[in-house]
Amino acid sequence: MAKKILIVDDEVQLVEMVKMRLEAAGYQTIAAYDGQDGFDKAKKDKPDLIILDLMLPKMDGYKVCGLLKNDARYSKIPIIMFTARVQDEDIRLGKDLGAEEYVTKPFDPKILLSKIKELLGE
């Protein structure tokens, strides 16, 4: 059974591009375009991994990450923070909230895929 990956980003074209790459690599994808929708879909669909932008409408990625990581039902889902914010403080905050990885935009699809495989133990 294909692993499910939730992509949460408000840039529609970016989500579509990431979806295409992941689906070509054999993953099932779910998309959300704001933080609240991403949070709701994470709870409903229980994905195997979440790719989460930080700067999102309705609820930012930090809050989504914190809420999921503080709930025992979802805390084991690996989260990759996916953002253009590259300051040490942003990276540290993401890690403090429980994000396993941090990928900066613009991103290298090969690096993103290798981090996904690593986190999913493939």
PDB file of N, CA and C in Angstrom:
ATOM      1  N   MET A   1       0.851  -1.205   0.000  1.00  0.00           N
ATOM      2  CA  MET A   1       0.000   0.000   0.000  1.00  0.00           C
ATOM      3  C   MET A   1       0.884   1.252   0.000  1.00  0.00           C
ATOM      4  N   ALA A   2       0.554   2.197  -0.856  1.00  0.00           N
ATOM      5  CA  ALA A   2       1.346   3.424  -0.974  1.00  0.00           C
ATOM      6  C   ALA A   2       1.249   4.254   0.303  1.00  0.00           C
ATOM      7  N   LYS A   3       2.378   4.850   0.682  1.00  0.00           N
ATOM      8  CA  LYS A   3       2.395   5.740   1.855  1.00  0.00           C
ATOM      9  C   LYS A   3       1.683   7.032   1.478  1.00  0.00           C
ATOM     10  N   LYS A   4       0.955   7.590   2.462  1.00  0.00           N
ATOM     11  CA  LYS A   4       0.183   8.817   2.264  1.00  0.00           C
ATOM     12  C   LYS A   4       0.973  10.013   2.776  1.00  0.00           C
ATOM     13  N   ILE A   5       1.098  11.023   1.927  1.00  0.00           N
ATOM     14  CA  ILE A   5       1.805  12.241   2.320  1.00  0.00           C
ATOM     15  C   ILE A   5       0.869  13.437   2.173  1.00  0.00           C
ATOM     16  N   LEU A   6       0.747  14.199   3.251  1.00  0.00           N
ATOM     17  CA  LEU A   6      -0.062  15.419   3.250  1.00  0.00           C
ATOM     18  C   LEU A   6       0.854  16.601   2.961  1.00  0.00           C
ATOM     19  N   ILE A   7       0.494  17.388   1.945  1.00  0.00           N
ATOM     20  CA  ILE A   7       1.263  18.581   1.584  1.00  0.00           C
ATOM     21  C   ILE A   7       0.414  19.795   1.968  1.00  0.00           C
ATOM     22  N   VAL A   8       0.951  20.634   2.853  1.00  0.00           N
ATOM     23  CA  VAL A   8       0.215  21.815   3.305  1.00  0.00           C
ATOM     24  C   VAL A   8       1.004  23.056   2.901  1.00  0.00           C
ATOM     25  N   ASP A   9       0.482  23.775   1.898  1.00  0.00           N
ATOM     26  CA  ASP A   9       1.151  24.981   1.400  1.00  0.00           C
ATOM     27  C   ASP A   9       0.115  25.828   0.689  1.00  0.00           C
ATOM     28  N   ASP A  10       0.214  27.147   0.828  1.00  0.00           N
ATOM     29  CA  ASP A  10      -0.773  28.010   0.174  1.00  0.00           C
ATOM     30  C   ASP A  10      -0.401  28.357  -1.268  1.00  0.00           C
ATOM     31  N   GLU A  11       0.747  27.896  -1.747  1.00  0.00           N
ATOM     32  CA  GLU A  11       1.136  28.130  -3.142  1.00  0.00           C
ATOM     33  C   GLU A  11       0.665  26.937  -3.971  1.00  0.00           C
ATOM     34  N   VAL A  12      -0.457  27.123  -4.681  1.00  0.00           N
ATOM     35  CA  VAL A  12      -1.099  26.034  -5.412  1.00  0.00           C
ATOM     36  C   VAL A  12      -0.147  25.376  -6.414  1.00  0.00           C
ATOM     37  N   GLN A  13       0.592  26.195  -7.181  1.00  0.00           N
ATOM     38  CA  GLN A  13       1.497  25.608  -8.189  1.00  0.00           C
ATOM     39  C   GLN A  13       2.581  24.758  -7.537  1.00  0.00           C
ATOM     40  N   LEU A  14       3.081  25.214  -6.412  1.00  0.00           N
ATOM     41  CA  LEU A  14       4.116  24.463  -5.698  1.00  0.00           C
ATOM     42  C   LEU A  14       3.545  23.123  -5.212  1.00  0.00           C
ATOM     43  N   VAL A  15       2.342  23.156  -4.657  1.00  0.00           N
ATOM     44  CA  VAL A  15       1.703  21.923  -4.191  1.00  0.00           C
ATOM     45  C   VAL A  15       1.542  20.953  -5.361  1.00  0.00           C
ATOM     46  N   GLU A  16       1.077  21.463  -6.503  1.00  0.00           N
ATOM     47  CA  GLU A  16       0.877  20.603  -7.674  1.00  0.00           C
ATOM     48  C   GLU A  16       2.196  19.979  -8.134  1.00  0.00           C
ATOM     49  N   MET A  17       3.269  20.777  -8.121  1.00  0.00           N
ATOM     50  CA  MET A  17       4.565  20.267  -8.544  1.00  0.00           C
ATOM     51  C   MET A  17       5.057  19.171  -7.585  1.00  0.00           C
ATOM     52  N   VAL A  18       4.941  19.416  -6.278  1.00  0.00           N
ATOM     53  CA  VAL A  18       5.382  18.436  -5.281  1.00  0.00           C
ATOM     54  C   VAL A  18       4.521  17.171  -5.402  1.00  0.00           C
ATOM     55  N   LYS A  19       3.206  17.349  -5.576  1.00  0.00           N
ATOM     56  CA  LYS A  19       2.302  16.198  -5.737  1.00  0.00           C
ATOM     57  C   LYS A  19       2.741  15.329  -6.910  1.00  0.00           C
ATOM     58  N   MET A  20       3.018  15.965  -8.053  1.00  0.00           N
ATOM     59  CA  MET A  20       3.434  15.216  -9.247  1.00  0.00           C
ATOM     60  C   MET A  20       4.692  14.397  -8.975  1.00  0.00           C
ATOM     61  N   ARG A  21       5.673  15.044  -8.345  1.00  0.00           N
ATOM     62  CA  ARG A  21       6.930  14.352  -8.032  1.00  0.00           C
ATOM     63  C   ARG A  21       6.700  13.178  -7.091  1.00  0.00           C
ATOM     64  N   LEU A  22       5.906  13.388  -6.045  1.00  0.00           N
ATOM     65  CA  LEU A  22       5.670  12.329  -5.059  1.00  0.00           C
ATOM     66  C   LEU A  22       4.859  11.185  -5.649  1.00  0.00           C
ATOM     67  N   GLU A  23       3.850  11.535  -6.455  1.00  0.00           N
ATOM     68  CA  GLU A  23       3.036  10.491  -7.073  1.00  0.00           C
ATOM     69  C   GLU A  23       3.867   9.692  -8.074  1.00  0.00           C
ATOM     70  N   ALA A  24       4.779  10.358  -8.780  1.00  0.00           N
ATOM     71  CA  ALA A  24       5.674   9.660  -9.714  1.00  0.00           C
ATOM     72  C   ALA A  24       6.591   8.703  -8.946  1.00  0.00           C
ATOM     73  N   ALA A  25       6.872   9.028  -7.685  1.00  0.00           N
ATOM     74  CA  ALA A  25       7.732   8.177  -6.849  1.00  0.00           C
ATOM     75  C   ALA A  25       6.921   7.102  -6.114  1.00  0.00           C
ATOM     76  N   GLY A  26       5.612   7.048  -6.378  1.00  0.00           N
ATOM     77  CA  GLY A  26       4.786   5.983  -5.813  1.00  0.00           C
ATOM     78  C   GLY A  26       4.030   6.320  -4.542  1.00  0.00           C
ATOM     79  N   TYR A  27       3.995   7.600  -4.171  1.00  0.00           N
ATOM     80  CA  TYR A  27       3.271   7.988  -2.953  1.00  0.00           C
ATOM     81  C   TYR A  27       1.860   8.446  -3.288  1.00  0.00           C
ATOM     82  N   GLN A  28       0.975   8.306  -2.307  1.00  0.00           N
ATOM     83  CA  GLN A  28      -0.377   8.852  -2.408  1.00  0.00           C
ATOM     84  C   GLN A  28      -0.294  10.243  -1.773  1.00  0.00           C
ATOM     85  N   THR A  29      -0.953  11.243  -2.359  1.00  0.00           N
ATOM     86  CA  THR A  29      -0.851  12.590  -1.789  1.00  0.00           C
ATOM     87  C   THR A  29      -2.223  13.159  -1.441  1.00  0.00           C
ATOM     88  N   ILE A  30      -2.188  14.036  -0.446  1.00  0.00           N
ATOM     89  CA  ILE A  30      -3.362  14.792  -0.024  1.00  0.00           C
ATOM     90  C   ILE A  30      -2.878  16.239   0.030  1.00  0.00           C
ATOM     91  N   ALA A  31      -3.673  17.179  -0.452  1.00  0.00           N
ATOM     92  CA  ALA A  31      -3.251  18.579  -0.439  1.00  0.00           C
ATOM     93  C   ALA A  31      -4.166  19.417   0.449  1.00  0.00           C
ATOM     94  N   ALA A  32      -3.546  20.403   1.103  1.00  0.00           N
ATOM     95  CA  ALA A  32      -4.289  21.394   1.875  1.00  0.00           C
ATOM     96  C   ALA A  32      -3.619  22.732   1.613  1.00  0.00           C
ATOM     97  N   TYR A  33      -4.414  23.795   1.545  1.00  0.00           N
ATOM     98  CA  TYR A  33      -3.875  25.095   1.140  1.00  0.00           C
ATOM     99  C   TYR A  33      -3.890  26.147   2.243  1.00  0.00           C
ATOM    100  N   ASP A  34      -4.273  25.755   3.455  1.00  0.00           N
ATOM    101  CA  ASP A  34      -4.137  26.654   4.607  1.00  0.00           C
ATOM    102  C   ASP A  34      -3.930  25.792   5.847  1.00  0.00           C
ATOM    103  N   GLY A  35      -3.488  26.416   6.917  1.00  0.00           N
ATOM    104  CA  GLY A  35      -3.129  25.676   8.117  1.00  0.00           C
ATOM    105  C   GLY A  35      -4.287  24.926   8.758  1.00  0.00           C
ATOM    106  N   GLN A  36      -5.455  25.559   8.804  1.00  0.00           N
ATOM    107  CA  GLN A  36      -6.612  24.906   9.434  1.00  0.00           C
ATOM    108  C   GLN A  36      -7.007  23.659   8.652  1.00  0.00           C
ATOM    109  N   ASP A  37      -7.049  23.776   7.321  1.00  0.00           N
ATOM    110  CA  ASP A  37      -7.400  22.651   6.465  1.00  0.00           C
ATOM    111  C   ASP A  37      -6.346  21.543   6.610  1.00  0.00           C
ATOM    112  N   GLY A  38      -5.072  21.946   6.680  1.00  0.00           N
ATOM    113  CA  GLY A  38      -3.994  20.974   6.853  1.00  0.00           C
ATOM    114  C   GLY A  38      -4.139  20.221   8.164  1.00  0.00           C
ATOM    115  N   PHE A  39      -4.447  20.950   9.222  1.00  0.00           N
ATOM    116  CA  PHE A  39      -4.627  20.346  10.545  1.00  0.00           C
ATOM    117  C   PHE A  39      -5.802  19.358  10.527  1.00  0.00           C
ATOM    118  N   ASP A  40      -6.923  19.803   9.931  1.00  0.00           N
ATOM    119  CA  ASP A  40      -8.114  18.952   9.859  1.00  0.00           C
ATOM    120  C   ASP A  40      -7.844  17.681   9.046  1.00  0.00           C
ATOM    121  N   LYS A  41      -7.156  17.835   7.907  1.00  0.00           N
ATOM    122  CA  LYS A  41      -6.864  16.670   7.059  1.00  0.00           C
ATOM    123  C   LYS A  41      -5.864  15.730   7.737  1.00  0.00           C
ATOM    124  N   ALA A  42      -4.927  16.285   8.489  1.00  0.00           N
ATOM    125  CA  ALA A  42      -3.970  15.441   9.215  1.00  0.00           C
ATOM    126  C   ALA A  42      -4.727  14.559  10.206  1.00  0.00           C
ATOM    127  N   LYS A  43      -5.708  15.134  10.897  1.00  0.00           N
ATOM    128  CA  LYS A  43      -6.471  14.369  11.880  1.00  0.00           C
ATOM    129  C   LYS A  43      -7.377  13.343  11.202  1.00  0.00           C
ATOM    130  N   LYS A  44      -7.995  13.736  10.106  1.00  0.00           N
ATOM    131  CA  LYS A  44      -8.954  12.863   9.416  1.00  0.00           C
ATOM    132  C   LYS A  44      -8.252  11.735   8.657  1.00  0.00           C
ATOM    133  N   ASP A  45      -7.198  12.082   7.911  1.00  0.00           N
ATOM    134  CA  ASP A  45      -6.569  11.107   7.005  1.00  0.00           C
ATOM    135  C   ASP A  45      -5.372  10.379   7.598  1.00  0.00           C
ATOM    136  N   LYS A  46      -4.866  10.850   8.750  1.00  0.00           N
ATOM    137  CA  LYS A  46      -3.683  10.252   9.390  1.00  0.00           C
ATOM    138  C   LYS A  46      -2.603   9.861   8.371  1.00  0.00           C
ATOM    139  N   PRO A  47      -1.980  10.861   7.733  1.00  0.00           N
ATOM    140  CA  PRO A  47      -0.957  10.559   6.732  1.00  0.00           C
ATOM    141  C   PRO A  47       0.289   9.936   7.364  1.00  0.00           C
ATOM    142  N   ASP A  48       1.133   9.338   6.524  1.00  0.00           N
ATOM    143  CA  ASP A  48       2.380   8.738   6.998  1.00  0.00           C
ATOM    144  C   ASP A  48       3.449   9.804   7.216  1.00  0.00           C
ATOM    145  N   LEU A  49       3.266  10.966   6.553  1.00  0.00           N
ATOM    146  CA  LEU A  49       4.233  12.060   6.659  1.00  0.00           C
ATOM    147  C   LEU A  49       3.534  13.347   6.244  1.00  0.00           C
ATOM    148  N   ILE A  50       3.991  14.481   6.799  1.00  0.00           N
ATOM    149  CA  ILE A  50       3.416  15.786   6.449  1.00  0.00           C
ATOM    150  C   ILE A  50       4.530  16.713   5.986  1.00  0.00           C
ATOM    151  N   ILE A  51       4.290  17.367   4.851  1.00  0.00           N
ATOM    152  CA  ILE A  51       5.172  18.432   4.369  1.00  0.00           C
ATOM    153  C   ILE A  51       4.415  19.715   4.664  1.00  0.00           C
ATOM    154  N   LEU A  52       4.987  20.562   5.523  1.00  0.00           N
ATOM    155  CA  LEU A  52       4.237  21.682   6.101  1.00  0.00           C
ATOM    156  C   LEU A  52       4.947  23.013   5.915  1.00  0.00           C
ATOM    157  N   ASP A  53       4.292  23.930   5.196  1.00  0.00           N
ATOM    158  CA  ASP A  53       4.807  25.287   5.046  1.00  0.00           C
ATOM    159  C   ASP A  53       4.615  26.022   6.374  1.00  0.00           C
ATOM    160  N   LEU A  54       5.436  27.038   6.623  1.00  0.00           N
ATOM    161  CA  LEU A  54       5.294  27.801   7.870  1.00  0.00           C
ATOM    162  C   LEU A  54       4.319  28.961   7.730  1.00  0.00           C
ATOM    163  N   MET A  55       4.450  29.705   6.633  1.00  0.00           N
ATOM    164  CA  MET A  55       3.635  30.901   6.443  1.00  0.00           C
ATOM    165  C   MET A  55       2.342  30.514   5.726  1.00  0.00           C
ATOM    166  N   LEU A  56       1.296  30.280   6.523  1.00  0.00           N
ATOM    167  CA  LEU A  56       0.018  29.813   5.980  1.00  0.00           C
ATOM    168  C   LEU A  56      -1.129  30.682   6.458  1.00  0.00           C
ATOM    169  N   PRO A  57      -2.178  30.813   5.624  1.00  0.00           N
ATOM    170  CA  PRO A  57      -3.378  31.510   6.098  1.00  0.00           C
ATOM    171  C   PRO A  57      -4.103  30.667   7.156  1.00  0.00           C
ATOM    172  N   LYS A  58      -4.915  31.314   7.967  1.00  0.00           N
ATOM    173  CA  LYS A  58      -5.765  30.725   9.003  1.00  0.00           C
ATOM    174  C   LYS A  58      -5.015  30.182  10.221  1.00  0.00           C
ATOM    175  N   MET A  59      -3.930  29.400  10.022  1.00  0.00           N
ATOM    176  CA  MET A  59      -3.148  28.877  11.148  1.00  0.00           C
ATOM    177  C   MET A  59      -1.749  28.626  10.602  1.00  0.00           C
ATOM    178  N   ASP A  60      -0.708  29.191  11.243  1.00  0.00           N
ATOM    179  CA  ASP A  60       0.634  29.001  10.673  1.00  0.00           C
ATOM    180  C   ASP A  60       1.162  27.591  10.938  1.00  0.00           C
ATOM    181  N   GLY A  61       2.206  27.243  10.203  1.00  0.00           N
ATOM    182  CA  GLY A  61       2.775  25.901  10.283  1.00  0.00           C
ATOM    183  C   GLY A  61       3.302  25.552  11.665  1.00  0.00           C
ATOM    184  N   TYR A  62       3.817  26.551  12.386  1.00  0.00           N
ATOM    185  CA  TYR A  62       4.309  26.288  13.743  1.00  0.00           C
ATOM    186  C   TYR A  62       3.173  25.777  14.624  1.00  0.00           C
ATOM    187  N   LYS A  63       2.020  26.445  14.509  1.00  0.00           N
ATOM    188  CA  LYS A  63       0.879  26.069  15.350  1.00  0.00           C
ATOM    189  C   LYS A  63       0.368  24.676  14.963  1.00  0.00           C
ATOM    190  N   VAL A  64       0.266  24.420  13.650  1.00  0.00           N
ATOM    191  CA  VAL A  64      -0.182  23.103  13.180  1.00  0.00           C
ATOM    192  C   VAL A  64       0.758  22.024  13.723  1.00  0.00           C
ATOM    193  N   CYS A  65       2.054  22.243  13.590  1.00  0.00           N
ATOM    194  CA  CYS A  65       3.060  21.289  14.050  1.00  0.00           C
ATOM    195  C   CYS A  65       2.921  21.064  15.555  1.00  0.00           C
ATOM    196  N   GLY A  66       2.837  22.141  16.317  1.00  0.00           N
ATOM    197  CA  GLY A  66       2.724  22.044  17.773  1.00  0.00           C
ATOM    198  C   GLY A  66       1.478  21.282  18.216  1.00  0.00           C
ATOM    199  N   LEU A  67       0.345  21.574  17.576  1.00  0.00           N
ATOM    200  CA  LEU A  67      -0.908  20.897  17.938  1.00  0.00           C
ATOM    201  C   LEU A  67      -0.833  19.402  17.641  1.00  0.00           C
ATOM    202  N   LEU A  68      -0.261  19.053  16.482  1.00  0.00           N
ATOM    203  CA  LEU A  68      -0.161  17.629  16.119  1.00  0.00           C
ATOM    204  C   LEU A  68       0.837  16.898  17.012  1.00  0.00           C
ATOM    205  N   LYS A  69       1.980  17.518  17.272  1.00  0.00           N
ATOM    206  CA  LYS A  69       3.026  16.852  18.056  1.00  0.00           C
ATOM    207  C   LYS A  69       2.642  16.725  19.533  1.00  0.00           C
ATOM    208  N   ASN A  70       1.709  17.558  19.994  1.00  0.00           N
ATOM    209  CA  ASN A  70       1.274  17.474  21.392  1.00  0.00           C
ATOM    210  C   ASN A  70       0.071  16.562  21.580  1.00  0.00           C
ATOM    211  N   ASP A  71      -0.363  15.895  20.508  1.00  0.00           N
ATOM    212  CA  ASP A  71      -1.493  14.974  20.575  1.00  0.00           C
ATOM    213  C   ASP A  71      -0.966  13.569  20.309  1.00  0.00           C
ATOM    214  N   ALA A  72      -1.088  12.690  21.291  1.00  0.00           N
ATOM    215  CA  ALA A  72      -0.510  11.341  21.183  1.00  0.00           C
ATOM    216  C   ALA A  72      -0.970  10.588  19.939  1.00  0.00           C
ATOM    217  N   ARG A  73      -2.169  10.908  19.440  1.00  0.00           N
ATOM    218  CA  ARG A  73      -2.681  10.200  18.254  1.00  0.00           C
ATOM    219  C   ARG A  73      -1.908  10.557  16.988  1.00  0.00           C
ATOM    220  N   TYR A  74      -1.298  11.750  16.974  1.00  0.00           N
ATOM    221  CA  TYR A  74      -0.638  12.224  15.746  1.00  0.00           C
ATOM    222  C   TYR A  74       0.846  12.524  15.937  1.00  0.00           C
ATOM    223  N   SER A  75       1.327  12.409  17.161  1.00  0.00           N
ATOM    224  CA  SER A  75       2.694  12.860  17.452  1.00  0.00           C
ATOM    225  C   SER A  75       3.775  12.062  16.729  1.00  0.00           C
ATOM    226  N   LYS A  76       3.455  10.857  16.283  1.00  0.00           N
ATOM    227  CA  LYS A  76       4.457  10.015  15.612  1.00  0.00           C
ATOM    228  C   LYS A  76       4.549  10.299  14.112  1.00  0.00           C
ATOM    229  N   ILE A  77       3.643  11.127  13.572  1.00  0.00           N
ATOM    230  CA  ILE A  77       3.684  11.447  12.138  1.00  0.00           C
ATOM    231  C   ILE A  77       4.876  12.381  11.902  1.00  0.00           C
ATOM    232  N   PRO A  78       5.841  11.973  11.064  1.00  0.00           N
ATOM    233  CA  PRO A  78       6.986  12.862  10.811  1.00  0.00           C
ATOM    234  C   PRO A  78       6.533  14.110  10.046  1.00  0.00           C
ATOM    235  N   ILE A  79       7.116  15.241  10.427  1.00  0.00           N
ATOM    236  CA  ILE A  79       6.791  16.513   9.772  1.00  0.00           C
ATOM    237  C   ILE A  79       8.060  17.120   9.190  1.00  0.00           C
ATOM    238  N   ILE A  80       7.970  17.490   7.906  1.00  0.00           N
ATOM    239  CA  ILE A  80       9.047  18.237   7.257  1.00  0.00           C
ATOM    240  C   ILE A  80       8.561  19.671   7.124  1.00  0.00           C
ATOM    241  N   MET A  81       9.235  20.596   7.805  1.00  0.00           N
ATOM    242  CA  MET A  81       8.928  22.016   7.639  1.00  0.00           C
ATOM    243  C   MET A  81       9.450  22.413   6.261  1.00  0.00           C
ATOM    244  N   PHE A  82       8.621  23.106   5.503  1.00  0.00           N
ATOM    245  CA  PHE A  82       8.904  23.398   4.104  1.00  0.00           C
ATOM    246  C   PHE A  82       8.708  24.893   3.911  1.00  0.00           C
ATOM    247  N   THR A  83       9.807  25.658   3.849  1.00  0.00           N
ATOM    248  CA  THR A  83       9.634  27.103   3.932  1.00  0.00           C
ATOM    249  C   THR A  83      10.774  27.884   3.309  1.00  0.00           C
ATOM    250  N   ALA A  84      10.496  29.138   3.020  1.00  0.00           N
ATOM    251  CA  ALA A  84      11.531  30.046   2.525  1.00  0.00           C
ATOM    252  C   ALA A  84      12.274  30.701   3.692  1.00  0.00           C
ATOM    253  N   ARG A  85      11.781  30.495   4.911  1.00  0.00           N
ATOM    254  CA  ARG A  85      12.425  31.102   6.094  1.00  0.00           C
ATOM    255  C   ARG A  85      13.609  30.244   6.518  1.00  0.00           C
ATOM    256  N   VAL A  86      14.792  30.844   6.477  1.00  0.00           N
ATOM    257  CA  VAL A  86      16.002  30.046   6.730  1.00  0.00           C
ATOM    258  C   VAL A  86      16.817  30.513   7.937  1.00  0.00           C
ATOM    259  N   GLN A  87      16.260  31.402   8.731  1.00  0.00           N
ATOM    260  CA  GLN A  87      17.017  31.882   9.882  1.00  0.00           C
ATOM    261  C   GLN A  87      17.118  30.786  10.938  1.00  0.00           C
ATOM    262  N   ASP A  88      18.243  30.761  11.639  1.00  0.00           N
ATOM    263  CA  ASP A  88      18.479  29.753  12.669  1.00  0.00           C
ATOM    264  C   ASP A  88      17.325  29.685  13.662  1.00  0.00           C
ATOM    265  N   GLU A  89      16.793  30.855  13.982  1.00  0.00           N
ATOM    266  CA  GLU A  89      15.706  30.940  14.967  1.00  0.00           C
ATOM    267  C   GLU A  89      14.465  30.178  14.452  1.00  0.00           C
ATOM    268  N   ASP A  90      14.165  30.307  13.145  1.00  0.00           N
ATOM    269  CA  ASP A  90      13.021  29.599  12.560  1.00  0.00           C
ATOM    270  C   ASP A  90      13.249  28.090  12.605  1.00  0.00           C
ATOM    271  N   ILE A  91      14.460  27.674  12.248  1.00  0.00           N
ATOM    272  CA  ILE A  91      14.803  26.250  12.232  1.00  0.00           C
ATOM    273  C   ILE A  91      14.718  25.684  13.652  1.00  0.00           C
ATOM    274  N   ARG A  92      15.258  26.422  14.616  1.00  0.00           N
ATOM    275  CA  ARG A  92      15.242  25.971  16.006  1.00  0.00           C
ATOM    276  C   ARG A  92      13.803  25.853  16.524  1.00  0.00           C
ATOM    277  N   LEU A  93      12.979  26.837  16.203  1.00  0.00           N
ATOM    278  CA  LEU A  93      11.587  26.802  16.659  1.00  0.00           C
ATOM    279  C   LEU A  93      10.864  25.595  16.056  1.00  0.00           C
ATOM    280  N   GLY A  94      11.090  25.336  14.777  1.00  0.00           N
ATOM    281  CA  GLY A  94      10.479  24.173  14.125  1.00  0.00           C
ATOM    282  C   GLY A  94      10.898  22.884  14.803  1.00  0.00           C
ATOM    283  N   LYS A  95      12.185  22.762  15.107  1.00  0.00           N
ATOM    284  CA  LYS A  95      12.703  21.547  15.765  1.00  0.00           C
ATOM    285  C   LYS A  95      12.146  21.448  17.193  1.00  0.00           C
ATOM    286  N   ASP A  96      12.075  22.598  17.889  1.00  0.00           N
ATOM    287  CA  ASP A  96      11.536  22.605  19.260  1.00  0.00           C
ATOM    288  C   ASP A  96      10.091  22.119  19.288  1.00  0.00           C
ATOM    289  N   LEU A  97       9.347  22.429  18.231  1.00  0.00           N
ATOM    290  CA  LEU A  97       7.944  22.017  18.163  1.00  0.00           C
ATOM    291  C   LEU A  97       7.800  20.562  17.734  1.00  0.00           C
ATOM    292  N   GLY A  98       8.908  19.950  17.314  1.00  0.00           N
ATOM    293  CA  GLY A  98       8.865  18.527  16.992  1.00  0.00           C
ATOM    294  C   GLY A  98       9.048  18.173  15.532  1.00  0.00           C
ATOM    295  N   ALA A  99       9.264  19.166  14.662  1.00  0.00           N
ATOM    296  CA  ALA A  99       9.478  18.854  13.241  1.00  0.00           C
ATOM    297  C   ALA A  99      10.762  18.044  13.089  1.00  0.00           C
ATOM    298  N   GLU A 100      10.703  16.993  12.290  1.00  0.00           N
ATOM    299  CA  GLU A 100      11.866  16.118  12.121  1.00  0.00           C
ATOM    300  C   GLU A 100      12.886  16.691  11.140  1.00  0.00           C
ATOM    301  N   GLU A 101      12.411  17.395  10.122  1.00  0.00           N
ATOM    302  CA  GLU A 101      13.303  17.924   9.086  1.00  0.00           C
ATOM    303  C   GLU A 101      12.886  19.329   8.706  1.00  0.00           C
ATOM    304  N   TYR A 102      13.786  19.999   7.994  1.00  0.00           N
ATOM    305  CA  TYR A 102      13.554  21.374   7.575  1.00  0.00           C
ATOM    306  C   TYR A 102      14.077  21.488   6.149  1.00  0.00           C
ATOM    307  N   VAL A 103      13.213  21.724   5.181  1.00  0.00           N
ATOM    308  CA  VAL A 103      13.625  21.875   3.783  1.00  0.00           C
ATOM    309  C   VAL A 103      13.302  23.300   3.359  1.00  0.00           C
ATOM    310  N   THR A 104      14.308  23.988   2.815  1.00  0.00           N
ATOM    311  CA  THR A 104      14.095  25.384   2.423  1.00  0.00           C
ATOM    312  C   THR A 104      13.722  25.490   0.953  1.00  0.00           C
ATOM    313  N   LYS A 105      12.885  26.479   0.663  1.00  0.00           N
ATOM    314  CA  LYS A 105      12.488  26.794  -0.718  1.00  0.00           C
ATOM    315  C   LYS A 105      13.421  27.888  -1.218  1.00  0.00           C
ATOM    316  N   PRO A 106      13.758  27.928  -2.489  1.00  0.00           N
ATOM    317  CA  PRO A 106      13.470  26.883  -3.475  1.00  0.00           C
ATOM    318  C   PRO A 106      14.175  25.598  -3.079  1.00  0.00           C
ATOM    319  N   PHE A 107      13.560  24.473  -3.412  1.00  0.00           N
ATOM    320  CA  PHE A 107      14.068  23.196  -2.917  1.00  0.00           C
ATOM    321  C   PHE A 107      14.560  22.307  -4.055  1.00  0.00           C
ATOM    322  N   ASP A 108      15.395  21.360  -3.690  1.00  0.00           N
ATOM    323  CA  ASP A 108      15.876  20.359  -4.631  1.00  0.00           C
ATOM    324  C   ASP A 108      14.994  19.124  -4.438  1.00  0.00           C
ATOM    325  N   PRO A 109      14.223  18.738  -5.469  1.00  0.00           N
ATOM    326  CA  PRO A 109      13.316  17.598  -5.326  1.00  0.00           C
ATOM    327  C   PRO A 109      14.018  16.318  -4.870  1.00  0.00           C
ATOM    328  N   LYS A 110      15.260  16.115  -5.276  1.00  0.00           N
ATOM    329  CA  LYS A 110      15.988  14.905  -4.877  1.00  0.00           C
ATOM    330  C   LYS A 110      16.235  14.912  -3.366  1.00  0.00           C
ATOM    331  N   ILE A 111      16.569  16.083  -2.826  1.00  0.00           N
ATOM    332  CA  ILE A 111      16.798  16.196  -1.378  1.00  0.00           C
ATOM    333  C   ILE A 111      15.488  15.948  -0.624  1.00  0.00           C
ATOM    334  N   LEU A 112      14.396  16.540  -1.105  1.00  0.00           N
ATOM    335  CA  LEU A 112      13.100  16.339  -0.462  1.00  0.00           C
ATOM    336  C   LEU A 112      12.737  14.856  -0.466  1.00  0.00           C
ATOM    337  N   LEU A 113      12.885  14.195  -1.604  1.00  0.00           N
ATOM    338  CA  LEU A 113      12.567  12.769  -1.700  1.00  0.00           C
ATOM    339  C   LEU A 113      13.450  11.920  -0.787  1.00  0.00           C
ATOM    340  N   SER A 114      14.724  12.258  -0.712  1.00  0.00           N
ATOM    341  CA  SER A 114      15.619  11.456   0.143  1.00  0.00           C
ATOM    342  C   SER A 114      15.248  11.630   1.616  1.00  0.00           C
ATOM    343  N   LYS A 115      14.853  12.833   2.024  1.00  0.00           N
ATOM    344  CA  LYS A 115      14.418  13.061   3.416  1.00  0.00           C
ATOM    345  C   LYS A 115      13.118  12.302   3.711  1.00  0.00           C
ATOM    346  N   ILE A 116      12.220  12.286   2.732  1.00  0.00           N
ATOM    347  CA  ILE A 116      10.954  11.560   2.892  1.00  0.00           C
ATOM    348  C   ILE A 116      11.240  10.066   3.087  1.00  0.00           C
ATOM    349  N   LYS A 117      12.053   9.508   2.205  1.00  0.00           N
ATOM    350  CA  LYS A 117      12.408   8.071   2.286  1.00  0.00           C
ATOM    351  C   LYS A 117      13.046   7.749   3.632  1.00  0.00           C
ATOM    352  N   GLU A 118      13.946   8.634   4.061  1.00  0.00           N
ATOM    353  CA  GLU A 118      14.641   8.429   5.350  1.00  0.00           C
ATOM    354  C   GLU A 118      13.633   8.418   6.505  1.00  0.00           C
ATOM    355  N   LEU A 119      12.742   9.416   6.527  1.00  0.00           N
ATOM    356  CA  LEU A 119      11.772   9.517   7.618  1.00  0.00           C
ATOM    357  C   LEU A 119      10.764   8.373   7.612  1.00  0.00           C
ATOM    358  N   LEU A 120      10.474   7.833   6.420  1.00  0.00           N
ATOM    359  CA  LEU A 120       9.509   6.732   6.336  1.00  0.00           C
ATOM    360  C   LEU A 120      10.205   5.377   6.454  1.00  0.00           C
ATOM    361  N   GLY A 121      11.526   5.411   6.638  1.00  0.00           N
ATOM    362  CA  GLY A 121      12.276   4.164   6.812  1.00  0.00           C
ATOM    363  C   GLY A 121      12.313   3.303   5.565  1.00  0.00           C
ATOM    364  N   GLU A 122      12.391   3.950   4.410  1.00  0.00           N
ATOM    365  CA  GLU A 122      12.404   3.212   3.133  1.00  0.00           C
ATOM    366  C   GLU A 122      13.817   3.072   2.595  1.00  0.00           C
TER     367      GLU A 122
END
